[in-house]
C-alpha atoms as a PDB file:
ATOM      1  CA  UNK A   1      31.575  16.837 -11.251  1.00  0.00           C
ATOM      2  CA  UNK A   2      28.073  18.819 -12.958  1.00  0.00           C
ATOM      3  CA  UNK A   3      24.656  17.399 -11.528  1.00  0.00           C
ATOM      4  CA  UNK A   4      23.855  16.241 -15.565  1.00  0.00           C
ATOM      5  CA  UNK A   5      27.084  14.379 -14.948  1.00  0.00           C
ATOM      6  CA  UNK A   6      25.223  11.551 -12.581  1.00  0.00           C
ATOM      7  CA  UNK A   7      22.294  10.197 -13.996  1.00  0.00           C
ATOM      8  CA  UNK A   8      20.188   8.613 -11.796  1.00  0.00           C
ATOM      9  CA  UNK A   9      21.120   5.474 -12.466  1.00  0.00           C
ATOM     10  CA  UNK A  10      24.389   6.239 -11.024  1.00  0.00           C
ATOM     11  CA  UNK A  11      22.900   7.150  -8.235  1.00  0.00           C
ATOM     12  CA  UNK A  12      21.135   4.625  -7.944  1.00  0.00           C
ATOM     13  CA  UNK A  13      24.529   2.438  -8.568  1.00  0.00           C
ATOM     14  CA  UNK A  14      26.093   4.583  -5.357  1.00  0.00           C
ATOM     15  CA  UNK A  15      24.076   3.840  -2.959  1.00  0.00           C
ATOM     16  CA  UNK A  16      23.745  -0.137  -3.747  1.00  0.00           C
ATOM     17  CA  UNK A  17      27.631  -0.235  -3.630  1.00  0.00           C
ATOM     18  CA  UNK A  18      28.033  -1.131  -7.215  1.00  0.00           C
ATOM     19  CA  UNK A  19      30.249   1.707  -8.186  1.00  0.00           C
ATOM     20  CA  UNK A  20      34.035   1.443  -8.150  1.00  0.00           C
ATOM     21  CA  UNK A  21      36.146   2.767  -6.048  1.00  0.00           C
ATOM     22  CA  UNK A  22      36.807   5.681  -7.971  1.00  0.00           C
ATOM     23  CA  UNK A  23      33.992   6.376  -9.351  1.00  0.00           C
ATOM     24  CA  UNK A  24      31.936   6.459  -6.148  1.00  0.00           C
ATOM     25  CA  UNK A  25      34.626   8.758  -5.208  1.00  0.00           C
ATOM     26  CA  UNK A  26      33.609  11.175  -7.615  1.00  0.00           C
ATOM     27  CA  UNK A  27      30.107  10.536  -6.972  1.00  0.00           C
ATOM     28  CA  UNK A  28      30.747  11.387  -3.122  1.00  0.00           C
ATOM     29  CA  UNK A  29      32.117  14.769  -4.369  1.00  0.00           C
ATOM     30  CA  UNK A  30      29.459  15.862  -6.658  1.00  0.00           C
ATOM     31  CA  UNK A  31      26.763  14.698  -3.960  1.00  0.00           C
ATOM     32  CA  UNK A  32      29.144  17.824  -1.455  1.00  0.00           C
ATOM     33  CA  UNK A  33      27.634  21.006  -3.968  1.00  0.00           C
ATOM     34  CA  UNK A  34      24.663  19.121  -5.141  1.00  0.00           C
ATOM     35  CA  UNK A  35      22.036  19.272  -2.128  1.00  0.00           C
ATOM     36  CA  UNK A  36      19.454  17.707  -4.048  1.00  0.00           C
ATOM     37  CA  UNK A  37      21.279  14.862  -5.158  1.00  0.00           C
ATOM     38  CA  UNK A  38      22.045  14.235  -1.994  1.00  0.00           C
ATOM     39  CA  UNK A  39      18.739  14.098  -0.295  1.00  0.00           C
ATOM     40  CA  UNK A  40      18.079  12.342  -2.956  1.00  0.00           C
ATOM     41  CA  UNK A  41      20.594   9.479  -2.309  1.00  0.00           C
ATOM     42  CA  UNK A  42      19.708   9.783   2.293  1.00  0.00           C
ATOM     43  CA  UNK A  43      16.090   9.228   0.940  1.00  0.00           C
ATOM     44  CA  UNK A  44      16.755   5.901  -1.639  1.00  0.00           C
ATOM     45  CA  UNK A  45      19.199   4.887   1.750  1.00  0.00           C
ATOM     46  CA  UNK A  46      16.538   4.898   4.390  1.00  0.00           C
ATOM     47  CA  UNK A  47      14.934   3.180   2.111  1.00  0.00           C
ATOM     48  CA  UNK A  48      16.842   0.520   1.472  1.00  0.00           C
ATOM     49  CA  UNK A  49      17.031   0.410   5.686  1.00  0.00           C
ATOM     50  CA  UNK A  50      13.003   0.130   5.927  1.00  0.00           C
ATOM     51  CA  UNK A  51      12.699  -2.813   3.109  1.00  0.00           C
ATOM     52  CA  UNK A  52      14.837  -4.308   5.155  1.00  0.00           C
ATOM     53  CA  UNK A  53      13.617  -4.106   7.839  1.00  0.00           C
ATOM     54  CA  UNK A  54      10.256  -5.199   6.181  1.00  0.00           C
ATOM     55  CA  UNK A  55      11.355  -7.881   3.893  1.00  0.00           C
ATOM     56  CA  UNK A  56      14.625  -9.699   4.951  1.00  0.00           C
ATOM     57  CA  UNK A  57      12.780 -12.004   7.462  1.00  0.00           C
ATOM     58  CA  UNK A  58      10.431 -13.244   4.927  1.00  0.00           C
ATOM     59  CA  UNK A  59      13.117 -13.706   2.177  1.00  0.00           C
ATOM     60  CA  UNK A  60      15.211 -15.626   4.408  1.00  0.00           C
ATOM     61  CA  UNK A  61      12.504 -18.401   6.151  1.00  0.00           C
ATOM     62  CA  UNK A  62      11.959 -21.050   4.733  1.00  0.00           C
ATOM     63  CA  UNK A  63       9.886 -22.591   1.700  1.00  0.00           C
ATOM     64  CA  UNK A  64       6.485 -24.271   3.535  1.00  0.00           C
ATOM     65  CA  UNK A  65       6.207 -28.179   2.833  1.00  0.00           C
ATOM     66  CA  UNK A  66       3.009 -27.990   0.508  1.00  0.00           C
ATOM     67  CA  UNK A  67       4.956 -26.029  -1.702  1.00  0.00           C
ATOM     68  CA  UNK A  68       7.862 -27.007  -2.233  1.00  0.00           C
ATOM     69  CA  UNK A  69       5.951 -30.269  -2.623  1.00  0.00           C
ATOM     70  CA  UNK A  70       4.366 -29.188  -6.037  1.00  0.00           C
ATOM     71  CA  UNK A  71       7.253 -27.244  -7.411  1.00  0.00           C
ATOM     72  CA  UNK A  72       9.233 -30.058  -7.271  1.00  0.00           C
ATOM     73  CA  UNK A  73       7.076 -32.857  -9.117  1.00  0.00           C
ATOM     74  CA  UNK A  74       7.292 -33.475 -13.251  1.00  0.00           C
ATOM     75  CA  UNK A  75       4.204 -32.943 -13.318  1.00  0.00           C
ATOM     76  CA  UNK A  76       3.536 -29.456 -11.641  1.00  0.00           C
ATOM     77  CA  UNK A  77       5.878 -27.494 -14.553  1.00  0.00           C
ATOM     78  CA  UNK A  78       3.446 -24.706 -15.322  1.00  0.00           C
ATOM     79  CA  UNK A  79       3.095 -24.379 -12.210  1.00  0.00           C
ATOM     80  CA  UNK A  80       7.223 -24.384 -11.021  1.00  0.00           C
ATOM     81  CA  UNK A  81       8.072 -21.812 -13.806  1.00  0.00           C
ATOM     82  CA  UNK A  82       4.483 -19.790 -12.492  1.00  0.00           C
ATOM     83  CA  UNK A  83       6.193 -19.604  -8.650  1.00  0.00           C
ATOM     84  CA  UNK A  84       9.283 -19.092  -9.844  1.00  0.00           C
ATOM     85  CA  UNK A  85       8.159 -15.613 -12.019  1.00  0.00           C
ATOM     86  CA  UNK A  86       6.145 -14.919  -8.351  1.00  0.00           C
ATOM     87  CA  UNK A  87       9.104 -14.558  -6.610  1.00  0.00           C
ATOM     88  CA  UNK A  88      10.624 -12.741  -8.831  1.00  0.00           C
ATOM     89  CA  UNK A  89       8.606 -10.229  -9.884  1.00  0.00           C
ATOM     90  CA  UNK A  90       7.715 -10.190  -5.280  1.00  0.00           C
ATOM     91  CA  UNK A  91      11.621  -9.748  -5.430  1.00  0.00           C
ATOM     92  CA  UNK A  92      11.174  -7.630  -7.774  1.00  0.00           C
ATOM     93  CA  UNK A  93       8.335  -4.955  -6.792  1.00  0.00           C
ATOM     94  CA  UNK A  94       9.803  -5.435  -2.771  1.00  0.00           C
ATOM     95  CA  UNK A  95      13.369  -4.830  -2.477  1.00  0.00           C
ATOM     96  CA  UNK A  96      13.846  -2.227  -6.322  1.00  0.00           C
ATOM     97  CA  UNK A  97      16.942  -1.004  -7.857  1.00  0.00           C
ATOM     98  CA  UNK A  98      17.673   0.333  -4.018  1.00  0.00           C
ATOM     99  CA  UNK A  99      17.586  -2.256  -1.895  1.00  0.00           C
ATOM    100  CA  UNK A 100      20.503  -4.691  -2.124  1.00  0.00           C
ATOM    101  CA  UNK A 101      21.550  -7.040   0.075  1.00  0.00           C
ATOM    102  CA  UNK A 102      24.788  -5.775   0.874  1.00  0.00           C
ATOM    103  CA  UNK A 103      24.589  -6.103   4.648  1.00  0.00           C
ATOM    104  CA  UNK A 104      24.476 -10.117   3.000  1.00  0.00           C
ATOM    105  CA  UNK A 105      26.611 -10.966   0.487  1.00  0.00           C
ATOM    106  CA  UNK A 106      26.954 -13.877  -1.068  1.00  0.00           C
ATOM    107  CA  UNK A 107      28.725 -16.477   0.260  1.00  0.00           C
ATOM    108  CA  UNK A 108      31.242 -16.314  -2.898  1.00  0.00           C
ATOM    109  CA  UNK A 109      31.744 -12.713  -3.017  1.00  0.00           C
ATOM    110  CA  UNK A 110      35.278 -11.618  -3.153  1.00  0.00           C
ATOM    111  CA  UNK A 111      37.457 -11.727   0.833  1.00  0.00           C
ATOM    112  CA  UNK A 112      34.449 -12.911   1.655  1.00  0.00           C
ATOM    113  CA  UNK A 113      33.167  -9.265   1.378  1.00  0.00           C
ATOM    114  CA  UNK A 114      30.455  -8.752   3.304  1.00  0.00           C
ATOM    115  CA  UNK A 115      32.915  -9.573   6.198  1.00  0.00           C
ATOM    116  CA  UNK A 116      36.000  -7.309   5.099  1.00  0.00           C
ATOM    117  CA  UNK A 117      34.422  -4.640   7.723  1.00  0.00           C
ATOM    118  CA  UNK A 118      33.988  -6.489  10.595  1.00  0.00           C
ATOM    119  CA  UNK A 119      37.409  -8.082  10.964  1.00  0.00           C
ATOM    120  CA  UNK A 120      39.347  -4.462  10.270  1.00  0.00           C
ATOM    121  CA  UNK A 121      36.654  -3.299  12.853  1.00  0.00           C
ATOM    122  CA  UNK A 122      37.889  -5.973  15.642  1.00  0.00           C
ATOM    123  CA  UNK A 123      40.579  -5.365  15.318  1.00  0.00           C
ATOM    124  CA  UNK A 124      40.575  -1.070  15.475  1.00  0.00           C
ATOM    125  CA  UNK A 125      38.456  -2.626  19.197  1.00  0.00           C
ATOM    126  CA  UNK A 126      40.942  -4.469  20.302  1.00  0.00           C
ATOM    127  CA  UNK A 127      44.014  -2.348  19.358  1.00  0.00           C
ATOM    128  CA  UNK A 128      43.424   1.030  19.280  1.00  0.00           C
ATOM    129  CA  UNK A 129      42.998   0.841  23.192  1.00  0.00           C
ATOM    130  CA  UNK A 130      46.613   0.164  23.897  1.00  0.00           C
ATOM    131  CA  UNK A 131      48.773   2.591  25.412  1.00  0.00           C
ATOM    132  CA  UNK A 132      52.158   1.205  26.015  1.00  0.00           C
ATOM    133  CA  UNK A 133      51.628  -1.607  23.208  1.00  0.00           C
ATOM    134  CA  UNK A 134      50.262   0.072  20.031  1.00  0.00           C
ATOM    135  CA  UNK A 135      52.237  -0.856  17.524  1.00  0.00           C
ATOM    136  CA  UNK A 136      54.932  -3.520  16.613  1.00  0.00           C
ATOM    137  CA  UNK A 137      57.247  -1.261  15.633  1.00  0.00           C
ATOM    138  CA  UNK A 138      57.282   2.055  15.266  1.00  0.00           C
ATOM    139  CA  UNK A 139      56.386   4.823  13.019  1.00  0.00           C
ATOM    140  CA  UNK A 140      59.907   5.641  13.850  1.00  0.00           C
ATOM    141  CA  UNK A 141      61.774   3.169  12.033  1.00  0.00           C
ATOM    142  CA  UNK A 142      59.289   3.426   8.594  1.00  0.00           C
ATOM    143  CA  UNK A 143      61.147   1.827   6.585  1.00  0.00           C
ATOM    144  CA  UNK A 144      61.441  -1.108   8.133  1.00  0.00           C
ATOM    145  CA  UNK A 145      57.545  -1.201   8.952  1.00  0.00           C
ATOM    146  CA  UNK A 146      56.704  -0.443   5.669  1.00  0.00           C
ATOM    147  CA  UNK A 147      59.347  -3.455   4.365  1.00  0.00           C
ATOM    148  CA  UNK A 148      59.188  -5.579   6.687  1.00  0.00           C
ATOM    149  CA  UNK A 149      54.927  -5.952   6.097  1.00  0.00           C
ATOM    150  CA  UNK A 150      55.365  -5.910   2.545  1.00  0.00           C
ATOM    151  CA  UNK A 151      57.178  -8.741   2.751  1.00  0.00           C
ATOM    152  CA  UNK A 152      55.062 -10.759   4.900  1.00  0.00           C
ATOM    153  CA  UNK A 153      51.896  -9.767   1.830  1.00  0.00           C
ATOM    154  CA  UNK A 154      53.227 -10.646  -1.162  1.00  0.00           C
ATOM    155  CA  UNK A 155      52.372  -6.921  -1.554  1.00  0.00           C
ATOM    156  CA  UNK A 156      53.845  -3.792  -1.302  1.00  0.00           C
ATOM    157  CA  UNK A 157      52.722  -1.667   1.167  1.00  0.00           C
ATOM    158  CA  UNK A 158      52.570   2.178   1.519  1.00  0.00           C
ATOM    159  CA  UNK A 159      51.502   3.505   4.711  1.00  0.00           C
ATOM    160  CA  UNK A 160      49.299   7.242   3.900  1.00  0.00           C
ATOM    161  CA  UNK A 161      50.743  10.694   4.420  1.00  0.00           C
ATOM    162  CA  UNK A 162      47.606  11.645   6.260  1.00  0.00           C
ATOM    163  CA  UNK A 163      49.102  15.184   8.256  1.00  0.00           C
ATOM    164  CA  UNK A 164      46.552  17.060   5.473  1.00  0.00           C
ATOM    165  CA  UNK A 165      43.886  15.917   8.165  1.00  0.00           C
ATOM    166  CA  UNK A 166      45.699  15.993  11.072  1.00  0.00           C
ATOM    167  CA  UNK A 167      46.551  12.463  11.832  1.00  0.00           C
ATOM    168  CA  UNK A 168      50.447  10.977  12.212  1.00  0.00           C
ATOM    169  CA  UNK A 169      51.609   7.366  11.802  1.00  0.00           C
ATOM    170  CA  UNK A 170      51.870   5.630  14.668  1.00  0.00           C
ATOM    171  CA  UNK A 171      53.280   2.073  13.759  1.00  0.00           C
ATOM    172  CA  UNK A 172      52.175  -0.725  12.422  1.00  0.00           C
ATOM    173  CA  UNK A 173      51.941  -4.756  13.416  1.00  0.00           C
ATOM    174  CA  UNK A 174      51.667  -7.705  11.687  1.00  0.00           C
ATOM    175  CA  UNK A 175      47.755 -10.071  12.374  1.00  0.00           C
ATOM    176  CA  UNK A 176      46.261 -12.770  11.368  1.00  0.00           C
ATOM    177  CA  UNK A 177      43.951 -12.668   7.866  1.00  0.00           C
ATOM    178  CA  UNK A 178      41.069 -15.093   6.965  1.00  0.00           C
ATOM    179  CA  UNK A 179      43.442 -16.842   5.045  1.00  0.00           C
ATOM    180  CA  UNK A 180      46.624 -15.337   5.658  1.00  0.00           C
ATOM    181  CA  UNK A 181      48.656 -12.592   6.452  1.00  0.00           C
ATOM    182  CA  UNK A 182      47.498  -9.210   7.364  1.00  0.00           C
ATOM    183  CA  UNK A 183      48.929  -6.044   8.328  1.00  0.00           C
ATOM    184  CA  UNK A 184      47.511  -2.964  10.212  1.00  0.00           C
ATOM    185  CA  UNK A 185      48.405   0.675  10.702  1.00  0.00           C
ATOM    186  CA  UNK A 186      47.652   2.540  13.267  1.00  0.00           C
ATOM    187  CA  UNK A 187      47.220   6.814  12.975  1.00  0.00           C
ATOM    188  CA  UNK A 188      46.698   9.147  15.709  1.00  0.00           C
ATOM    189  CA  UNK A 189      45.489  13.170  16.439  1.00  0.00           C
ATOM    190  CA  UNK A 190      46.472  15.930  19.015  1.00  0.00           C
ATOM    191  CA  UNK A 191      43.461  14.710  20.329  1.00  0.00           C
ATOM    192  CA  UNK A 192      43.922  10.954  20.670  1.00  0.00           C
ATOM    193  CA  UNK A 193      41.930  10.001  18.217  1.00  0.00           C
ATOM    194  CA  UNK A 194      43.250   7.104  16.590  1.00  0.00           C
ATOM    195  CA  UNK A 195      42.319   5.443  12.775  1.00  0.00           C
ATOM    196  CA  UNK A 196      43.792   2.365  12.199  1.00  0.00           C
ATOM    197  CA  UNK A 197      43.996   1.080   8.140  1.00  0.00           C
ATOM    198  CA  UNK A 198      43.390  -2.994   7.987  1.00  0.00           C
ATOM    199  CA  UNK A 199      45.069  -5.300   4.975  1.00  0.00           C
ATOM    200  CA  UNK A 200      45.361  -7.749   3.294  1.00  0.00           C
ATOM    201  CA  UNK A 201      45.982  -9.968   0.652  1.00  0.00           C
ATOM    202  CA  UNK A 202      43.058 -11.107  -1.256  1.00  0.00           C
ATOM    203  CA  UNK A 203      43.427 -14.082  -3.276  1.00  0.00           C
ATOM    204  CA  UNK A 204      40.688 -14.309  -6.125  1.00  0.00           C
ATOM    205  CA  UNK A 205      42.488 -10.319  -7.425  1.00  0.00           C
ATOM    206  CA  UNK A 206      38.685  -9.505  -8.250  1.00  0.00           C
ATOM    207  CA  UNK A 207      39.788  -7.027  -9.769  1.00  0.00           C
ATOM    208  CA  UNK A 208      38.055  -4.308  -8.190  1.00  0.00           C
ATOM    209  CA  UNK A 209      35.278  -3.292  -5.822  1.00  0.00           C
ATOM    210  CA  UNK A 210      32.414  -0.725  -4.873  1.00  0.00           C
ATOM    211  CA  UNK A 211      34.073   1.795  -2.091  1.00  0.00           C
ATOM    212  CA  UNK A 212      31.494   1.080   0.443  1.00  0.00           C
ATOM    213  CA  UNK A 213      30.418   1.783   4.122  1.00  0.00           C
ATOM    214  CA  UNK A 214      29.428  -0.508   7.378  1.00  0.00           C
ATOM    215  CA  UNK A 215      29.738   1.164  10.907  1.00  0.00           C
ATOM    216  CA  UNK A 216      29.239  -1.574  13.995  1.00  0.00           C
ATOM    217  CA  UNK A 217      29.775  -0.899  17.603  1.00  0.00           C
ATOM    218  CA  UNK A 218      30.693   2.508  17.383  1.00  0.00           C
ATOM    219  CA  UNK A 219      33.862   2.098  14.707  1.00  0.00           C
ATOM    220  CA  UNK A 220      32.974   3.322  11.362  1.00  0.00           C
ATOM    221  CA  UNK A 221      34.434   1.720   8.244  1.00  0.00           C
ATOM    222  CA  UNK A 222      35.338   2.966   4.575  1.00  0.00           C
ATOM    223  CA  UNK A 223      36.019  -1.033   3.020  1.00  0.00           C
ATOM    224  CA  UNK A 224      36.875  -2.037  -0.502  1.00  0.00           C
ATOM    225  CA  UNK A 225      39.347  -4.216  -2.444  1.00  0.00           C
ATOM    226  CA  UNK A 226      42.147  -3.400  -5.482  1.00  0.00           C
ATOM    227  CA  UNK A 227      43.169  -6.313  -7.774  1.00  0.00           C
ATOM    228  CA  UNK A 228      44.950  -8.237  -4.812  1.00  0.00           C
ATOM    229  CA  UNK A 229      44.832  -6.532  -2.166  1.00  0.00           C
ATOM    230  CA  UNK A 230      41.673  -5.386   0.309  1.00  0.00           C
ATOM    231  CA  UNK A 231      41.536  -2.247   3.454  1.00  0.00           C
ATOM    232  CA  UNK A 232      39.858  -1.224   5.351  1.00  0.00           C
ATOM    233  CA  UNK A 233      39.562   2.249   7.342  1.00  0.00           C
ATOM    234  CA  UNK A 234      38.090   1.827  10.998  1.00  0.00           C
ATOM    235  CA  UNK A 235      37.576   4.553  13.324  1.00  0.00           C
ATOM    236  CA  UNK A 236      35.216   6.016  15.568  1.00  0.00           C
ATOM    237  CA  UNK A 237      34.800   8.678  13.521  1.00  0.00           C
ATOM    238  CA  UNK A 238      31.045   9.959  11.755  1.00  0.00           C
ATOM    239  CA  UNK A 239      30.794   8.673   8.244  1.00  0.00           C
ATOM    240  CA  UNK A 240      31.358  12.344   7.138  1.00  0.00           C
ATOM    241  CA  UNK A 241      34.226  13.033   9.275  1.00  0.00           C
ATOM    242  CA  UNK A 242      36.298   9.640   8.278  1.00  0.00           C
ATOM    243  CA  UNK A 243      34.997   9.541   4.132  1.00  0.00           C
ATOM    244  CA  UNK A 244      37.643  12.694   2.926  1.00  0.00           C
ATOM    245  CA  UNK A 245      40.356  10.758   4.944  1.00  0.00           C
ATOM    246  CA  UNK A 246      39.373   7.432   3.399  1.00  0.00           C
ATOM    247  CA  UNK A 247      39.390   9.144  -0.067  1.00  0.00           C
ATOM    248  CA  UNK A 248      43.020  10.925   0.747  1.00  0.00           C
ATOM    249  CA  UNK A 249      44.440   6.819   2.387  1.00  0.00           C
ATOM    250  CA  UNK A 250      42.534   5.660  -1.663  1.00  0.00           C
ATOM    251  CA  UNK A 251      44.184   7.604  -3.480  1.00  0.00           C
ATOM    252  CA  UNK A 252      47.484   7.929  -2.468  1.00  0.00           C
ATOM    253  CA  UNK A 253      47.546   3.430  -2.252  1.00  0.00           C
ATOM    254  CA  UNK A 254      46.588   3.674  -6.460  1.00  0.00           C
ATOM    255  CA  UNK A 255      48.936   6.326  -6.674  1.00  0.00           C
ATOM    256  CA  UNK A 256      46.780   9.704  -7.031  1.00  0.00           C
ATOM    257  CA  UNK A 257      48.624  12.926  -5.562  1.00  0.00           C
END
């Protein structure tokens, strides 16, 4: 991707997690060859962290009683309109387009998107330390494994091939997700490093969401929703190390080479 094909608005949307998974991957590829835009994106991310630290407590605080009383009074409609306008202006100035509330998504967000990386990270932490029984069905029965999990999930599940990235399939297991059955596929490299792919259904059929990243308790996770399926790839790797693997998983699950 050439630099002129990525606008500042697209970079802002990338930082705010508002791009589709495919567009986010294209911007990621662009940043890999454009040091200036990569530095800009990292600076915006740092600003988001600082803004959240500075203003989240104030944004979540209760409205003072005196102000709330005036807002409810029919005789104070001009004051109410002015207060609302001032609140929106303050939010716009304080947060701007570089600080969305990605880590505190609305309660009606598809599949409770904000909780998806946490659930995936917990599953990763629970099952990857297992030595004798890390999975229910091993990779030597891959056809049976994917057919079984596909039937339980209600959609076709394929196990991505990650040999080029240095990982082989260990196997998988059926797990419990928030809204029904889920699946966990496990991969391992020659040094014993393990990755897990958490898959569950999105009953709302949200279409698609941005390709997002989270890091919790030493576990990195890239996650996204595509149609009625939600995916999260987790591992104890850095963001930069996990990104190309997550990109490969995304492409294979979407039928790309």
